[in-house]
Amino acid sequence: MSTPTTTEATTRPRTRWAAIIWGLLFAAVAAAALGQLADANRRETIADALMAMTPATTTAFLLLTAGVLLLVGGAAGLVRRAQRTLSAAASEERREVPDPLAE
């Protein structure tokens, strides 16, 4: 009587997409900040704009920032779900193969 065995396929390491997405966001913010703060005239313009902000403008910027963070978090979650779905589909494709030596 032959017993079915599963073939063990080596799987590739998972890509950590959330880390890549968040890293790209933080790199973009850092690059923009570095570009704006590198010049003295731009620094003065930013300081003047920050001092002239009203409470409504500050609230709007805080809400916009929270929205962007939620959007990036949602995108990372969607990519993770897609990765898990593809991984589950690939594991279902593996079939049990009878062992020809176990007769």
C-alpha atoms as a PDB file:
ATOM      1  CA  MET A   1       0.000   0.000   0.000  1.00  0.00           C
ATOM      2  CA  SER A   2       1.466   3.327  -0.970  1.00  0.00           C
ATOM      3  CA  THR A   3       1.054   6.308   1.277  1.00  0.00           C
ATOM      4  CA  PRO A   4       0.670   9.749  -0.224  1.00  0.00           C
ATOM      5  CA  THR A   5       3.353  12.246   0.676  1.00  0.00           C
ATOM      6  CA  THR A   6       3.479  15.934   0.139  1.00  0.00           C
ATOM      7  CA  THR A   7       6.292  17.481  -1.771  1.00  0.00           C
ATOM      8  CA  GLU A   8       8.100  20.111   0.226  1.00  0.00           C
ATOM      9  CA  ALA A   9       8.880  23.048  -1.994  1.00  0.00           C
ATOM     10  CA  THR A  10      11.138  25.716  -0.652  1.00  0.00           C
ATOM     11  CA  THR A  11       9.312  29.005  -0.469  1.00  0.00           C
ATOM     12  CA  ARG A  12      10.854  32.341  -1.032  1.00  0.00           C
ATOM     13  CA  PRO A  13      11.042  34.721   1.908  1.00  0.00           C
ATOM     14  CA  ARG A  14       8.111  37.084   2.105  1.00  0.00           C
ATOM     15  CA  THR A  15       8.646  40.635   0.996  1.00  0.00           C
ATOM     16  CA  ARG A  16       7.756  43.032   3.785  1.00  0.00           C
ATOM     17  CA  TRP A  17       5.697  45.436   1.694  1.00  0.00           C
ATOM     18  CA  ALA A  18       4.469  47.465   4.657  1.00  0.00           C
ATOM     19  CA  ALA A  19       8.052  48.294   5.586  1.00  0.00           C
ATOM     20  CA  ILE A  20       8.793  49.277   1.994  1.00  0.00           C
ATOM     21  CA  ILE A  21       5.691  51.483   1.728  1.00  0.00           C
ATOM     22  CA  TRP A  22       6.263  53.214   5.070  1.00  0.00           C
ATOM     23  CA  GLY A  23       9.965  53.590   4.302  1.00  0.00           C
ATOM     24  CA  LEU A  24       9.176  55.262   0.991  1.00  0.00           C
ATOM     25  CA  LEU A  25       6.755  57.646   2.719  1.00  0.00           C
ATOM     26  CA  PHE A  26       9.289  58.621   5.374  1.00  0.00           C
ATOM     27  CA  ALA A  27      12.057  58.962   2.777  1.00  0.00           C
ATOM     28  CA  ALA A  28       9.844  61.261   0.684  1.00  0.00           C
ATOM     29  CA  VAL A  29       9.002  63.399   3.732  1.00  0.00           C
ATOM     30  CA  ALA A  30      12.678  63.587   4.710  1.00  0.00           C
ATOM     31  CA  ALA A  31      13.747  64.516   1.181  1.00  0.00           C
ATOM     32  CA  ALA A  32      11.091  67.233   0.947  1.00  0.00           C
ATOM     33  CA  ALA A  33      12.035  68.626   4.361  1.00  0.00           C
ATOM     34  CA  LEU A  34      15.726  68.576   3.518  1.00  0.00           C
ATOM     35  CA  GLY A  35      15.055  70.326   0.223  1.00  0.00           C
ATOM     36  CA  GLN A  36      12.955  73.021   1.873  1.00  0.00           C
ATOM     37  CA  LEU A  37      15.232  73.607   4.840  1.00  0.00           C
ATOM     38  CA  ALA A  38      18.518  73.664   2.899  1.00  0.00           C
ATOM     39  CA  ASP A  39      18.116  77.286   1.816  1.00  0.00           C
ATOM     40  CA  ALA A  40      17.952  80.197   4.294  1.00  0.00           C
ATOM     41  CA  ASN A  41      15.290  82.047   2.285  1.00  0.00           C
ATOM     42  CA  ARG A  42      13.048  78.979   2.242  1.00  0.00           C
ATOM     43  CA  ARG A  43      13.540  78.509   5.987  1.00  0.00           C
ATOM     44  CA  GLU A  44      12.416  82.092   6.615  1.00  0.00           C
ATOM     45  CA  THR A  45       9.397  81.639   4.350  1.00  0.00           C
ATOM     46  CA  ILE A  46       8.392  78.446   6.174  1.00  0.00           C
ATOM     47  CA  ALA A  47       8.844  80.119   9.569  1.00  0.00           C
ATOM     48  CA  ASP A  48       6.682  83.058   8.490  1.00  0.00           C
ATOM     49  CA  ALA A  49       4.002  80.732   7.142  1.00  0.00           C
ATOM     50  CA  LEU A  50       3.970  78.689  10.367  1.00  0.00           C
ATOM     51  CA  MET A  51       3.657  81.809  12.513  1.00  0.00           C
ATOM     52  CA  ALA A  52       0.766  83.117  10.376  1.00  0.00           C
ATOM     53  CA  MET A  53      -1.287  79.907  10.621  1.00  0.00           C
ATOM     54  CA  THR A  54      -4.731  80.155  12.153  1.00  0.00           C
ATOM     55  CA  PRO A  55      -6.266  77.451  14.352  1.00  0.00           C
ATOM     56  CA  ALA A  56      -8.462  76.380  11.422  1.00  0.00           C
ATOM     57  CA  THR A  57      -5.419  75.966   9.194  1.00  0.00           C
ATOM     58  CA  THR A  58      -3.613  73.976  11.877  1.00  0.00           C
ATOM     59  CA  THR A  59      -6.643  71.710  12.298  1.00  0.00           C
ATOM     60  CA  ALA A  60      -6.865  71.211   8.541  1.00  0.00           C
ATOM     61  CA  PHE A  61      -3.185  70.233   8.343  1.00  0.00           C
ATOM     62  CA  LEU A  62      -3.561  67.812  11.262  1.00  0.00           C
ATOM     63  CA  LEU A  63      -6.596  66.186   9.622  1.00  0.00           C
ATOM     64  CA  LEU A  64      -4.763  65.991   6.303  1.00  0.00           C
ATOM     65  CA  THR A  65      -1.761  64.371   7.990  1.00  0.00           C
ATOM     66  CA  ALA A  66      -3.982  61.844   9.783  1.00  0.00           C
ATOM     67  CA  GLY A  67      -5.722  61.072   6.483  1.00  0.00           C
ATOM     68  CA  VAL A  68      -2.428  60.465   4.698  1.00  0.00           C
ATOM     69  CA  LEU A  69      -1.247  58.143   7.479  1.00  0.00           C
ATOM     70  CA  LEU A  70      -4.523  56.197   7.330  1.00  0.00           C
ATOM     71  CA  LEU A  71      -4.287  56.016   3.540  1.00  0.00           C
ATOM     72  CA  VAL A  72      -0.750  54.631   3.644  1.00  0.00           C
ATOM     73  CA  GLY A  73      -1.713  52.183   6.395  1.00  0.00           C
ATOM     74  CA  GLY A  74      -4.681  51.006   4.328  1.00  0.00           C
ATOM     75  CA  ALA A  75      -2.538  50.598   1.234  1.00  0.00           C
ATOM     76  CA  ALA A  76      -0.038  48.528   3.218  1.00  0.00           C
ATOM     77  CA  GLY A  77      -2.898  46.395   4.532  1.00  0.00           C
ATOM     78  CA  LEU A  78      -4.266  45.816   1.031  1.00  0.00           C
ATOM     79  CA  VAL A  79      -0.857  44.778  -0.251  1.00  0.00           C
ATOM     80  CA  ARG A  80      -0.461  42.403   2.707  1.00  0.00           C
ATOM     81  CA  ARG A  81      -3.883  40.849   2.060  1.00  0.00           C
ATOM     82  CA  ALA A  82      -3.040  40.368  -1.615  1.00  0.00           C
ATOM     83  CA  GLN A  83       0.276  38.769  -0.658  1.00  0.00           C
ATOM     84  CA  ARG A  84      -1.442  36.359   1.745  1.00  0.00           C
ATOM     85  CA  THR A  85      -4.078  35.486  -0.856  1.00  0.00           C
ATOM     86  CA  LEU A  86      -1.429  34.722  -3.461  1.00  0.00           C
ATOM     87  CA  SER A  87       0.552  32.697  -0.924  1.00  0.00           C
ATOM     88  CA  ALA A  88      -2.529  30.654   0.036  1.00  0.00           C
ATOM     89  CA  ALA A  89      -3.352  30.035  -3.628  1.00  0.00           C
ATOM     90  CA  ALA A  90       0.194  28.837  -4.275  1.00  0.00           C
ATOM     91  CA  SER A  91       0.118  26.472  -1.314  1.00  0.00           C
ATOM     92  CA  GLU A  92      -3.205  24.989  -2.484  1.00  0.00           C
ATOM     93  CA  GLU A  93      -1.644  24.175  -5.841  1.00  0.00           C
ATOM     94  CA  ARG A  94       0.773  21.769  -4.194  1.00  0.00           C
ATOM     95  CA  ARG A  95      -0.615  18.301  -4.613  1.00  0.00           C
ATOM     96  CA  GLU A  96      -0.078  15.129  -2.724  1.00  0.00           C
ATOM     97  CA  VAL A  97       2.138  12.823  -4.727  1.00  0.00           C
ATOM     98  CA  PRO A  98       2.245   9.063  -3.985  1.00  0.00           C
ATOM     99  CA  ASP A  99       5.635   7.839  -2.890  1.00  0.00           C
ATOM    100  CA  PRO A 100       6.748   5.223  -5.453  1.00  0.00           C
ATOM    101  CA  LEU A 101       9.245   3.670  -3.023  1.00  0.00           C
ATOM    102  CA  ALA A 102       6.674   2.978  -0.258  1.00  0.00           C
ATOM    103  CA  GLU A 103       5.111  -0.114  -1.831  1.00  0.00           C
END
